[in-house]
Protein backbone atom coordinates (compact mmCIF):
# COMPACT_ATOMS: atom_id res chain seq x y z
CA UNK A 1 -80.32 45.04 14.70
CA UNK A 2 -78.21 43.05 13.08
CA UNK A 3 -77.65 40.02 14.80
CA UNK A 4 -75.36 39.00 10.94
CA UNK A 5 -72.39 40.37 12.59
CA UNK A 6 -69.78 37.55 12.97
CA UNK A 7 -69.12 36.83 16.82
CA UNK A 8 -65.12 36.93 15.31
CA UNK A 9 -65.65 40.24 13.89
CA UNK A 10 -66.98 41.32 17.33
CA UNK A 11 -64.44 39.50 19.49
CA UNK A 12 -62.15 41.32 17.22
CA UNK A 13 -63.59 44.91 18.41
CA UNK A 14 -63.29 44.16 21.88
CA UNK A 15 -59.89 43.00 21.87
CA UNK A 16 -59.11 46.61 19.45
CA UNK A 17 -60.70 48.37 22.29
CA UNK A 18 -59.28 46.43 25.15
CA UNK A 19 -55.53 47.31 23.89
CA UNK A 20 -56.27 50.50 22.93
CA UNK A 21 -58.36 51.17 26.58
CA UNK A 22 -55.26 49.53 28.43
CA UNK A 23 -52.96 51.89 27.21
CA UNK A 24 -54.69 55.06 26.42
CA UNK A 25 -57.49 54.99 28.51
CA UNK A 26 -59.96 55.32 25.45
CA UNK A 27 -62.83 52.53 24.37
CA UNK A 28 -66.14 53.88 23.47
CA UNK A 29 -66.77 56.42 21.07
CA UNK A 30 -62.88 56.44 20.14
CA UNK A 31 -62.88 52.52 18.95
CA UNK A 32 -65.58 50.42 19.47
CA UNK A 33 -67.95 52.90 17.74
CA UNK A 34 -66.27 53.83 14.66
CA UNK A 35 -65.30 50.08 14.81
CA UNK A 36 -68.62 49.25 14.66
CA UNK A 37 -69.81 51.74 12.00
CA UNK A 38 -66.65 50.65 9.33
CA UNK A 39 -66.31 47.45 9.98
CA UNK A 40 -69.36 45.73 11.04
CA UNK A 41 -71.69 48.66 9.03
CA UNK A 42 -73.47 49.61 11.87
CA UNK A 43 -75.68 52.85 11.47
CA UNK A 44 -73.96 55.51 13.82
CA UNK A 45 -76.81 55.13 16.07
CA UNK A 46 -77.08 51.75 16.59
CA UNK A 47 -73.10 52.00 17.18
CA UNK A 48 -73.44 54.72 19.94
CA UNK A 49 -76.54 52.71 21.31
CA UNK A 50 -74.56 49.52 21.12
CA UNK A 51 -70.80 51.19 22.91
CA UNK A 52 -73.16 52.34 25.51
CA UNK A 53 -74.45 49.66 26.07
CA UNK A 54 -70.77 47.56 26.66
CA UNK A 55 -69.78 50.80 28.54
CA UNK A 56 -73.01 50.85 30.59
CA UNK A 57 -71.90 50.60 34.74
CA UNK A 58 -69.70 53.59 33.76
CA UNK A 59 -71.53 55.21 31.17
CA UNK A 60 -74.98 55.46 33.13
CA UNK A 61 -78.07 53.25 32.26
CA UNK A 62 -80.63 55.93 31.18
CA UNK A 63 -78.93 56.62 27.66
CA UNK A 64 -78.93 53.03 27.29
CA UNK A 65 -82.60 52.34 27.56
CA UNK A 66 -83.21 55.43 25.56
CA UNK A 67 -81.02 54.11 22.32
CA UNK A 68 -82.86 50.58 23.46
CA UNK A 69 -86.28 52.01 23.42
CA UNK A 70 -85.46 53.69 19.86
CA UNK A 71 -84.17 49.93 18.42
CA UNK A 72 -80.53 51.20 18.59
CA UNK A 73 -79.08 48.71 20.81
CA UNK A 74 -77.31 45.33 19.12
CA UNK A 75 -77.38 43.41 22.90
CA UNK A 76 -75.67 40.46 21.46
CA UNK A 77 -73.02 42.79 20.28
CA UNK A 78 -72.75 44.43 23.44
CA UNK A 79 -71.90 41.32 25.24
CA UNK A 80 -69.50 39.46 23.10
CA UNK A 81 -67.33 42.72 22.47
CA UNK A 82 -67.77 43.59 26.44
CA UNK A 83 -66.35 40.16 27.15
CA UNK A 84 -63.42 40.23 24.71
CA UNK A 85 -62.77 43.93 26.22
CA UNK A 86 -62.82 42.79 29.32
CA UNK A 87 -59.82 40.46 29.15
CA UNK A 88 -58.03 42.43 26.33
CA UNK A 89 -58.10 45.52 28.41
CA UNK A 90 -56.24 44.01 31.72
CA UNK A 91 -53.65 42.32 29.35
CA UNK A 92 -52.88 45.50 27.34
CA UNK A 93 -52.29 47.85 30.21
CA UNK A 94 -49.91 45.18 31.99
CA UNK A 95 -47.95 46.25 28.63
CA UNK A 96 -48.47 49.82 28.28
CA UNK A 97 -47.52 50.21 32.01
CA UNK A 98 -43.34 49.03 30.52
CA UNK A 99 -43.41 51.21 27.55
CA UNK A 100 -41.94 54.41 27.95
CA UNK A 101 -44.35 57.55 28.40
CA UNK A 102 -42.82 59.75 25.12
CA UNK A 103 -43.26 56.46 23.13
CA UNK A 104 -46.85 55.84 24.31
CA UNK A 105 -47.98 59.59 23.66
CA UNK A 106 -46.71 59.06 20.47
CA UNK A 107 -48.38 55.84 19.42
CA UNK A 108 -51.25 57.92 20.92
CA UNK A 109 -51.22 60.87 18.89
CA UNK A 110 -50.70 59.03 15.58
CA UNK A 111 -53.35 56.86 16.82
CA UNK A 112 -55.54 59.86 16.93
CA UNK A 113 -54.48 61.59 13.45
CA UNK A 114 -54.92 58.43 11.62
CA UNK A 115 -58.77 57.82 13.04
CA UNK A 116 -59.12 61.70 11.55
CA UNK A 117 -58.27 61.76 8.63
CA UNK A 118 -60.24 58.25 8.19
CA UNK A 119 -63.38 59.87 9.67
CA UNK A 120 -62.48 63.01 7.54
CA UNK A 121 -61.29 61.18 4.15
CA UNK A 122 -64.68 59.36 4.90
CA UNK A 123 -66.91 61.91 5.29
CA UNK A 124 -65.61 63.87 1.98
CA UNK A 125 -66.61 60.51 0.01
CA UNK A 126 -69.88 60.51 1.81
CA UNK A 127 -70.64 64.39 0.46
CA UNK A 128 -69.40 63.76 -2.88
CA UNK A 129 -71.57 60.74 -3.31
CA UNK A 130 -74.83 62.89 -2.06
């Protein structure tokens, strides 16, 4: 597990995921997993398992149990991020309702392109290192 990850970093991930969820309806795979991998230094498996624990009620208990049994869930991180996400998603969804639909769509597209470029560039660097 990664119990050394700071409360502030986990809180930031929850806030950012809440903003994105409130504006675009996204969170787990697109925001939380990359943030845990690239900002908190989690393995892909640990990030996925922890993200599932954060989203447990809507996603499903069976997947979290499977990841947990293999040591790939950080419950502390899941609780901290879920708390911050809960409040931030409410706040950001309030503001998203005031943004013109065309602008919201544009911001969402730019966000997805930037995330995609980051993952592609990071993968190319890792492939060159191996």
